Amino acid sequence: MFVDKAVIQVRAGDGGNGAVSFHREKYVAAGGPDGGDGGRGGNIVFQVDTGMSTLSDFRYQRKYAASSGAPGGKKRCSGRMGEDLIIPVPEGTLIYDDETGRLMADMTEGTPFIAAKGGRGGWGNAHFATPTRQVPRFSKPGVPGESYRLRLELKLLADVGLVGFPNVGKSSLISVVSEAKPAIANYHFTTITPVLGVVRLGERNSFVMADIPGLIEGAADGVGLGHDFLRHVERCRLLIHVVDVSGSEGRDPLSDFDAINRELKEFDKELAARPMVVAGNKCDLATPQQLETFEKAMKERGYDYFPMMAAIAHGTEPLMKHCAGLLSTLPPVERFEPEPVILPDTEQFRDRTVQIRQEDGVFFVEAPWLLQVMRSINFDDYESLHYFERVLIDAGVIAALENAGVQEGDTVNLRL
């Protein structure tokens, strides 16, 4: 089954906790703290797999979690790092942050993308030894790994896209010019999923063609199958508009041509402005007057026009050679640029802003950056509490409370 959209939840591994340990060895007095650091949590990494062509695997597994780092050990031994979780995706997959809509990555190359970073390992108590604090009985916990709800969208990578009404011969065309084997039958929407084929015109002269399921009028608004698959035409550098010039199904070829172009423009104006070549199919069923009228209309509108009979591969070779020549002059397949990351919480953590307000005799301290500090405090240990007090003094929290009028015995609420 072809699936080109998926929403998954990913969570990187947490960092391992730092260890609280003291060196103990016979005949060695006051060996001191030797607790090691925790290991880094594993990352969530996306990697292009050229053997995949759909996001169907994500229909059955929607939650992915990397392993956490191991806690630190004795003798300053660091904990084992968590293993990265590598998630394969098809080439051309776009990765979005589903909550904000931010584009995080365009998976069009072999470079892996780290979507969620594992948390740092916490410090062991060996880091907290000072001349006045020789027996620290606390350590830092590991930092939690990043977690995201991601939306995956597949936009096929193809040089040439075939567009046109259903049953005009797009599948027949791609089947005779490439090794693709789409379903071909004389009824609408025989092709219900995009089909990719490689057109080879000689050594080092090939391009990828995509057969997009037939569009109909109203496709940009969700009518038919076009709304679901129009996104796959967005990367195409060149469009081949296939038209049934014979009007074998009772429709006017020119009206069909204009209707499809309208749908492309309503979906994406830039897409409608892409270079387009017109292929008039089923010429064997058309009258000489129909052929002459349609060809004249295309030339008047400035399009390169190629008559053909796709079912027997008549006229397809000149069309392919012309497309290959055009592609050599066009820019490469479009890549979507990831959007920058905005981290207001990180900035707030860095500037250590402290806000004090008083309500009903209670002093509220608003300092989100204190959360990570408090995670490292052992409130049952005197030296750990003393360390926390020094942090409050050095960061200006105590001074801010005194300026706000706090007195001994007042209630202080830390809002993190």
Protein backbone atom coordinates (compact mmCIF):
# COMPACT_ATOMS: atom_id res chain seq x y z
CA MET A 1 0.00 0.00 0.00
CA PHE A 2 1.29 3.45 -0.93
CA VAL A 3 1.33 5.78 2.11
CA ASP A 4 2.79 9.27 1.82
CA LYS A 5 1.79 10.77 5.18
CA ALA A 6 2.46 9.66 8.75
CA VAL A 7 2.54 11.13 12.25
CA ILE A 8 4.90 9.55 14.77
CA GLN A 9 6.20 10.25 18.27
CA VAL A 10 9.96 10.14 18.87
CA ARG A 11 11.90 10.40 22.10
CA ALA A 12 15.67 10.48 22.45
CA GLY A 13 17.35 8.68 25.34
CA ASP A 14 17.82 10.37 28.70
CA GLY A 15 21.29 11.04 29.99
CA GLY A 16 22.51 8.74 32.73
CA ASN A 17 22.73 10.05 36.30
CA GLY A 18 26.06 10.95 37.81
CA ALA A 19 27.32 8.61 40.55
CA VAL A 20 27.89 9.36 44.22
CA SER A 21 30.89 7.28 45.21
CA PHE A 22 34.01 7.56 47.37
CA HIS A 23 37.38 5.98 46.82
CA ARG A 24 38.00 3.19 49.31
CA GLU A 25 41.33 1.43 49.33
CA LYS A 26 43.28 -0.25 52.05
CA TYR A 27 45.91 2.01 53.60
CA VAL A 28 44.54 5.03 51.66
CA ALA A 29 42.90 7.48 54.06
CA ALA A 30 40.28 9.97 52.84
CA GLY A 31 40.33 8.72 49.27
CA GLY A 32 37.80 11.37 48.27
CA PRO A 33 34.87 11.37 45.85
CA ASP A 34 35.28 9.34 42.67
CA GLY A 35 31.77 9.14 41.23
CA GLY A 36 31.75 9.01 37.42
CA ASP A 37 29.56 10.87 34.94
CA GLY A 38 26.45 9.39 33.35
CA GLY A 39 26.45 8.41 29.68
CA ARG A 40 24.78 10.44 26.95
CA GLY A 41 21.35 9.29 25.80
CA GLY A 42 20.91 7.94 22.29
CA ASN A 43 19.77 10.20 19.42
CA ILE A 44 16.84 9.70 17.06
CA VAL A 45 18.42 9.65 13.59
CA PHE A 46 16.65 9.57 10.22
CA GLN A 47 18.48 7.99 7.29
CA VAL A 48 17.50 7.75 3.61
CA ASP A 49 16.85 4.18 2.44
CA THR A 50 16.79 4.05 -1.35
CA GLY A 51 14.98 0.71 -1.17
CA MET A 52 11.90 2.31 0.40
CA SER A 53 9.23 4.01 -1.70
CA THR A 54 6.41 4.54 0.81
CA LEU A 55 5.78 5.46 4.45
CA SER A 56 3.64 2.37 5.02
CA ASP A 57 5.94 1.07 7.78
CA PHE A 58 4.88 3.99 9.98
CA ARG A 59 1.25 2.86 9.92
CA TYR A 60 2.07 0.02 12.28
CA GLN A 61 4.69 1.61 14.54
CA ARG A 62 4.11 5.17 15.66
CA LYS A 63 6.34 5.48 18.76
CA TYR A 64 10.12 5.41 18.62
CA ALA A 65 12.46 5.74 21.60
CA ALA A 66 16.25 5.59 21.78
CA SER A 67 18.01 3.95 24.70
CA SER A 68 19.10 6.02 27.70
CA GLY A 69 22.64 6.44 28.92
CA ALA A 70 23.86 4.31 31.81
CA PRO A 71 24.59 5.91 35.19
CA GLY A 72 28.16 6.68 36.19
CA GLY A 73 30.19 4.21 38.23
CA LYS A 74 32.93 4.11 40.78
CA LYS A 75 36.54 5.14 40.15
CA ARG A 76 35.36 8.01 37.92
CA CYS A 77 34.05 5.54 35.33
CA SER A 78 31.59 7.13 32.93
CA GLY A 79 28.37 5.32 32.10
CA ARG A 80 27.80 3.69 28.73
CA MET A 81 26.27 5.95 26.08
CA GLY A 82 22.82 5.07 24.78
CA GLU A 83 22.69 3.69 21.25
CA ASP A 84 21.27 5.92 18.52
CA LEU A 85 17.99 4.77 16.99
CA ILE A 86 18.22 4.95 13.19
CA ILE A 87 14.88 5.26 11.38
CA PRO A 88 14.96 4.60 7.60
CA VAL A 89 12.74 6.75 5.36
CA PRO A 90 12.24 6.98 1.58
CA GLU A 91 14.19 9.55 -0.38
CA GLY A 92 12.20 12.77 -0.61
CA THR A 93 10.62 12.61 2.86
CA LEU A 94 9.94 15.92 4.58
CA ILE A 95 10.11 15.93 8.38
CA TYR A 96 7.94 18.49 10.21
CA ASP A 97 7.47 19.33 13.88
CA ASP A 98 3.76 18.52 14.03
CA GLU A 99 3.10 20.91 16.92
CA THR A 100 4.63 24.04 15.37
CA GLY A 101 4.54 23.11 11.67
CA ARG A 102 8.28 23.86 11.34
CA LEU A 103 10.11 22.02 8.56
CA MET A 104 13.03 20.26 10.24
CA ALA A 105 14.62 18.37 7.34
CA ASP A 106 14.27 17.43 3.68
CA MET A 107 15.62 13.90 3.29
CA THR A 108 16.89 14.09 -0.27
CA GLU A 109 20.52 13.15 0.32
CA GLY A 110 22.44 10.44 2.14
CA THR A 111 23.33 12.68 5.09
CA PRO A 112 21.70 11.43 8.31
CA PHE A 113 19.50 13.86 10.23
CA ILE A 114 19.37 13.95 14.03
CA ALA A 115 15.74 14.77 14.80
CA ALA A 116 15.96 14.45 18.60
CA LYS A 117 19.18 14.71 20.58
CA GLY A 118 19.89 12.50 23.54
CA GLY A 119 20.27 14.12 26.95
CA ARG A 120 23.68 14.85 28.43
CA GLY A 121 24.91 12.62 31.20
CA GLY A 122 24.91 14.06 34.71
CA TRP A 123 28.11 14.89 36.59
CA GLY A 124 29.36 12.55 39.25
CA ASN A 125 30.18 13.86 42.73
CA ALA A 126 33.87 14.04 41.82
CA HIS A 127 33.08 17.33 40.00
CA PHE A 128 31.75 18.97 43.16
CA ALA A 129 34.76 18.48 45.42
CA THR A 130 36.31 21.73 46.66
CA PRO A 131 38.73 22.57 49.47
CA THR A 132 35.76 23.41 51.68
CA ARG A 133 33.43 20.67 50.36
CA GLN A 134 35.57 17.58 50.50
CA VAL A 135 32.74 15.03 50.88
CA PRO A 136 30.01 15.98 48.36
CA ARG A 137 27.15 13.51 48.73
CA PHE A 138 25.26 14.66 45.67
CA SER A 139 25.59 14.46 41.89
CA LYS A 140 23.76 15.77 38.85
CA PRO A 141 21.02 13.77 37.22
CA GLY A 142 21.05 13.18 33.47
CA VAL A 143 19.27 15.62 31.19
CA PRO A 144 16.07 14.26 29.58
CA GLY A 145 16.27 13.53 25.86
CA GLU A 146 14.37 15.63 23.36
CA SER A 147 10.87 14.52 22.41
CA TYR A 148 8.87 15.49 19.34
CA ARG A 149 5.69 14.65 17.54
CA LEU A 150 6.75 14.51 13.92
CA ARG A 151 4.76 14.64 10.70
CA LEU A 152 6.34 12.84 7.77
CA GLU A 153 5.34 13.73 4.22
CA LEU A 154 6.73 12.02 1.14
CA LYS A 155 7.25 14.14 -1.97
CA LEU A 156 8.64 11.97 -4.73
CA LEU A 157 11.93 12.92 -6.32
CA ALA A 158 11.34 12.96 -10.06
CA ASP A 159 12.70 15.06 -12.91
CA VAL A 160 9.58 14.79 -15.06
CA GLY A 161 5.96 14.55 -13.94
CA LEU A 162 3.08 13.28 -16.10
CA VAL A 163 -0.16 15.17 -15.55
CA GLY A 164 -3.51 14.95 -17.25
CA PHE A 165 -7.05 13.64 -16.95
CA PRO A 166 -7.66 9.97 -16.12
CA ASN A 167 -7.43 7.45 -18.95
CA VAL A 168 -5.49 9.70 -21.35
CA GLY A 169 -2.48 7.35 -21.60
CA LYS A 170 -0.01 8.45 -18.91
CA SER A 171 0.49 4.90 -17.64
CA SER A 172 0.92 3.61 -21.17
CA LEU A 173 3.58 6.25 -21.82
CA ILE A 174 5.68 5.49 -18.74
CA SER A 175 5.38 1.74 -19.38
CA VAL A 176 6.91 1.98 -22.87
CA VAL A 177 9.69 4.49 -22.13
CA SER A 178 10.84 2.93 -18.83
CA GLU A 179 10.80 -0.39 -17.00
CA ALA A 180 7.91 0.68 -14.77
CA LYS A 181 4.92 -1.67 -14.85
CA PRO A 182 1.84 0.32 -13.82
CA ALA A 183 -1.67 -1.14 -14.01
CA ILE A 184 -3.20 -0.26 -17.38
CA ALA A 185 -6.90 -0.58 -18.14
CA ASN A 186 -9.62 1.28 -20.01
CA TYR A 187 -11.31 2.90 -17.02
CA HIS A 188 -10.76 5.94 -14.84
CA PHE A 189 -8.30 5.87 -11.92
CA THR A 190 -6.64 2.63 -12.92
CA THR A 191 -3.54 4.24 -11.40
CA ILE A 192 -4.31 5.03 -7.77
CA THR A 193 -0.74 5.60 -6.55
CA PRO A 194 2.21 7.48 -8.10
CA VAL A 195 4.53 5.34 -10.22
CA LEU A 196 8.22 6.08 -10.77
CA GLY A 197 10.19 4.97 -13.81
CA VAL A 198 13.75 5.62 -15.03
CA VAL A 199 13.99 6.67 -18.68
CA ARG A 200 17.37 5.66 -20.16
CA LEU A 201 18.49 7.25 -23.42
CA GLY A 202 22.05 6.04 -23.40
CA GLU A 203 25.09 5.91 -21.17
CA ARG A 204 24.95 8.61 -18.46
CA ASN A 205 21.79 10.02 -20.00
CA SER A 206 18.72 9.16 -17.95
CA PHE A 207 16.04 10.83 -15.87
CA VAL A 208 13.28 9.85 -13.48
CA MET A 209 9.66 10.14 -14.56
CA ALA A 210 6.62 10.08 -12.27
CA ASP A 211 3.14 9.01 -13.34
CA ILE A 212 0.81 11.01 -11.09
CA PRO A 213 -2.73 9.59 -10.65
CA GLY A 214 -5.21 11.33 -12.93
CA LEU A 215 -6.35 14.81 -12.03
CA ILE A 216 -9.88 16.04 -12.56
CA GLU A 217 -11.52 19.41 -12.27
CA GLY A 218 -11.63 20.40 -8.59
CA ALA A 219 -8.55 18.35 -7.65
CA ALA A 220 -6.96 21.29 -5.81
CA ASP A 221 -10.06 21.41 -3.59
CA GLY A 222 -9.93 17.69 -2.80
CA VAL A 223 -12.01 16.21 -5.62
CA GLY A 224 -10.86 12.83 -6.93
CA LEU A 225 -7.35 11.54 -6.25
CA GLY A 226 -5.50 14.64 -7.38
CA HIS A 227 -5.63 16.44 -4.04
CA ASP A 228 -3.77 13.58 -2.36
CA PHE A 229 -1.00 13.36 -4.95
CA LEU A 230 -0.50 16.87 -6.31
CA ARG A 231 2.32 17.33 -3.79
CA HIS A 232 4.35 14.74 -5.68
CA VAL A 233 4.54 17.03 -8.71
CA GLU A 234 6.08 19.88 -6.67
CA ARG A 235 9.66 18.68 -7.06
CA CYS A 236 9.40 17.95 -10.80
CA ARG A 237 11.58 20.14 -12.97
CA LEU A 238 9.51 19.53 -16.08
CA LEU A 239 5.88 18.57 -16.68
CA ILE A 240 4.51 16.53 -19.56
CA HIS A 241 0.84 17.27 -20.04
CA VAL A 242 -0.76 14.24 -21.70
CA VAL A 243 -4.00 14.99 -23.58
CA ASP A 244 -6.42 12.70 -25.39
CA VAL A 245 -6.56 14.65 -28.68
CA SER A 246 -9.29 12.38 -30.05
CA GLY A 247 -11.82 13.30 -27.37
CA SER A 248 -12.68 9.60 -27.24
CA GLU A 249 -14.59 10.01 -23.97
CA GLY A 250 -16.72 12.87 -25.19
CA ARG A 251 -14.60 15.67 -23.74
CA ASP A 252 -12.97 18.55 -25.58
CA PRO A 253 -9.12 18.26 -25.57
CA LEU A 254 -8.60 22.02 -25.20
CA SER A 255 -11.05 22.22 -22.31
CA ASP A 256 -9.25 19.31 -20.61
CA PHE A 257 -5.90 21.05 -21.09
CA ASP A 258 -7.14 24.32 -19.59
CA ALA A 259 -8.87 22.57 -16.68
CA ILE A 260 -5.72 20.73 -15.59
CA ASN A 261 -3.61 23.88 -15.83
CA ARG A 262 -6.17 25.69 -13.68
CA GLU A 263 -5.92 23.00 -11.00
CA LEU A 264 -2.12 23.22 -10.99
CA LYS A 265 -2.28 26.99 -10.60
CA GLU A 266 -4.80 26.82 -7.77
CA PHE A 267 -2.66 24.27 -5.93
CA ASP A 268 0.64 26.11 -6.40
CA LYS A 269 1.32 29.08 -8.70
CA GLU A 270 5.02 28.23 -8.87
CA LEU A 271 4.14 24.71 -9.96
CA ALA A 272 1.95 26.03 -12.77
CA ALA A 273 4.87 28.14 -13.98
CA ARG A 274 7.17 25.11 -14.43
CA PRO A 275 8.27 24.28 -18.00
CA MET A 276 5.64 22.12 -19.70
CA VAL A 277 5.65 19.96 -22.81
CA VAL A 278 2.37 18.81 -24.33
CA ALA A 279 1.92 15.25 -25.57
CA GLY A 280 -1.12 14.61 -27.76
CA ASN A 281 -2.03 10.94 -27.32
CA LYS A 282 -4.43 8.59 -29.15
CA CYS A 283 -3.70 10.26 -32.47
CA ASP A 284 -4.86 7.10 -34.26
CA LEU A 285 -8.40 7.74 -32.99
CA ALA A 286 -8.46 11.43 -33.92
CA THR A 287 -9.57 12.98 -37.20
CA PRO A 288 -7.11 15.08 -39.23
CA GLN A 289 -9.11 18.19 -38.32
CA GLN A 290 -8.86 17.40 -34.58
CA LEU A 291 -5.11 16.88 -34.86
CA GLU A 292 -4.58 20.09 -36.79
CA THR A 293 -6.79 22.19 -34.49
CA PHE A 294 -5.12 21.01 -31.27
CA GLU A 295 -1.56 21.30 -32.60
CA LYS A 296 -2.27 24.84 -33.85
CA ALA A 297 -3.71 25.82 -30.46
CA MET A 298 -0.63 24.53 -28.60
CA LYS A 299 1.79 26.35 -30.88
CA GLU A 300 -0.19 29.58 -30.52
CA ARG A 301 0.13 29.24 -26.72
CA GLY A 302 3.88 28.70 -26.95
CA TYR A 303 4.08 25.02 -25.94
CA ASP A 304 6.31 22.37 -27.48
CA TYR A 305 3.89 19.79 -28.88
CA PHE A 306 4.49 16.12 -29.69
CA PRO A 307 1.80 13.85 -31.21
CA MET A 308 2.08 10.20 -30.27
CA MET A 309 0.38 6.84 -29.82
CA ALA A 310 1.70 5.67 -26.44
CA ALA A 311 0.19 2.19 -26.62
CA ILE A 312 2.49 1.24 -29.52
CA ALA A 313 5.37 3.61 -28.56
CA HIS A 314 4.86 5.69 -31.73
CA GLY A 315 6.25 9.22 -31.34
CA THR A 316 7.52 8.65 -27.79
CA GLU A 317 11.25 8.68 -28.63
CA PRO A 318 11.32 12.29 -29.96
CA LEU A 319 9.37 13.36 -26.86
CA MET A 320 11.86 11.73 -24.48
CA LYS A 321 14.89 13.16 -26.31
CA HIS A 322 13.36 16.62 -26.21
CA CYS A 323 12.70 16.30 -22.46
CA ALA A 324 16.27 15.16 -21.82
CA GLY A 325 17.56 18.21 -23.68
CA LEU A 326 15.36 20.54 -21.65
CA LEU A 327 16.40 18.94 -18.36
CA SER A 328 20.07 19.62 -19.10
CA THR A 329 19.27 23.36 -19.04
CA LEU A 330 17.01 23.36 -15.96
CA PRO A 331 18.06 23.70 -12.29
CA PRO A 332 18.28 20.53 -10.17
CA VAL A 333 15.36 18.96 -8.30
CA GLU A 334 14.00 21.35 -5.69
CA ARG A 335 15.14 20.91 -2.10
CA PHE A 336 13.14 22.48 0.69
CA GLU A 337 15.18 24.50 3.18
CA PRO A 338 14.63 23.62 6.86
CA GLU A 339 13.27 26.44 8.99
CA PRO A 340 15.45 27.87 11.78
CA VAL A 341 14.95 26.71 15.35
CA ILE A 342 13.57 29.22 17.84
CA LEU A 343 14.30 28.32 21.45
CA PRO A 344 12.88 30.97 23.78
CA ASP A 345 13.20 28.63 26.75
CA THR A 346 16.93 28.22 26.12
CA GLU A 347 17.43 31.97 26.03
CA GLN A 348 15.50 32.31 29.25
CA PHE A 349 17.71 29.68 30.82
CA ARG A 350 20.87 31.46 29.74
CA ASP A 351 20.03 34.94 31.03
CA ARG A 352 18.83 33.53 34.40
CA THR A 353 15.94 35.95 34.69
CA VAL A 354 14.34 36.13 38.13
CA GLN A 355 10.91 37.67 38.71
CA ILE A 356 9.44 38.18 42.18
CA ARG A 357 5.78 38.88 42.89
CA GLN A 358 3.76 38.82 46.09
CA GLU A 359 0.21 37.51 46.55
CA ASP A 360 -1.54 37.20 49.92
CA GLY A 361 1.72 37.30 51.85
CA VAL A 362 3.44 34.65 49.69
CA PHE A 363 6.49 35.55 47.59
CA PHE A 364 6.50 33.80 44.21
CA VAL A 365 9.87 33.36 42.51
CA GLU A 366 9.55 32.75 38.75
CA ALA A 367 12.83 31.32 37.45
CA PRO A 368 12.49 28.45 34.94
CA TRP A 369 16.27 27.98 34.80
CA LEU A 370 16.24 26.79 38.43
CA LEU A 371 14.52 23.53 37.46
CA GLN A 372 17.71 21.90 36.19
CA VAL A 373 19.62 23.06 39.28
CA MET A 374 17.05 21.60 41.63
CA ARG A 375 17.19 18.25 39.84
CA SER A 376 20.78 17.91 41.07
CA ILE A 377 20.05 18.68 44.72
CA ASN A 378 19.77 16.06 47.46
CA PHE A 379 17.61 17.90 50.00
CA ASP A 380 18.41 15.32 52.68
CA ASP A 381 22.09 16.20 52.59
CA TYR A 382 23.45 19.30 54.38
CA GLU A 383 26.26 19.98 51.88
CA SER A 384 23.90 19.59 48.95
CA LEU A 385 21.54 22.15 50.50
CA HIS A 386 24.50 24.46 51.14
CA TYR A 387 25.43 24.18 47.45
CA PHE A 388 21.87 25.10 46.45
CA GLU A 389 22.00 28.11 48.78
CA ARG A 390 25.18 29.32 47.13
CA VAL A 391 23.50 29.05 43.70
CA LEU A 392 20.58 31.17 44.91
CA ILE A 393 22.95 33.81 46.26
CA ASP A 394 25.24 33.89 43.21
CA ALA A 395 22.29 34.09 40.81
CA GLY A 396 20.76 37.03 42.70
CA VAL A 397 17.61 35.23 43.83
CA ILE A 398 18.18 36.02 47.53
CA ALA A 399 18.94 39.68 46.73
CA ALA A 400 15.78 39.96 44.62
CA LEU A 401 13.70 38.56 47.51
CA GLU A 402 15.26 41.00 49.97
CA ASN A 403 14.55 43.90 47.61
CA ALA A 404 10.93 42.72 47.39
CA GLY A 405 10.65 42.94 51.21
CA VAL A 406 10.84 39.30 52.28
CA GLN A 407 11.28 38.78 56.02
CA GLU A 408 12.34 35.80 58.10
CA GLY A 409 9.40 33.41 58.46
CA ASP A 410 7.72 34.47 55.18
CA THR A 411 6.64 31.79 52.67
CA VAL A 412 8.56 31.63 49.39
CA ASN A 413 7.18 29.64 46.43
CA LEU A 414 9.53 28.67 43.60
CA ARG A 415 7.62 28.59 40.29
CA LEU A 416 9.78 26.77 37.77
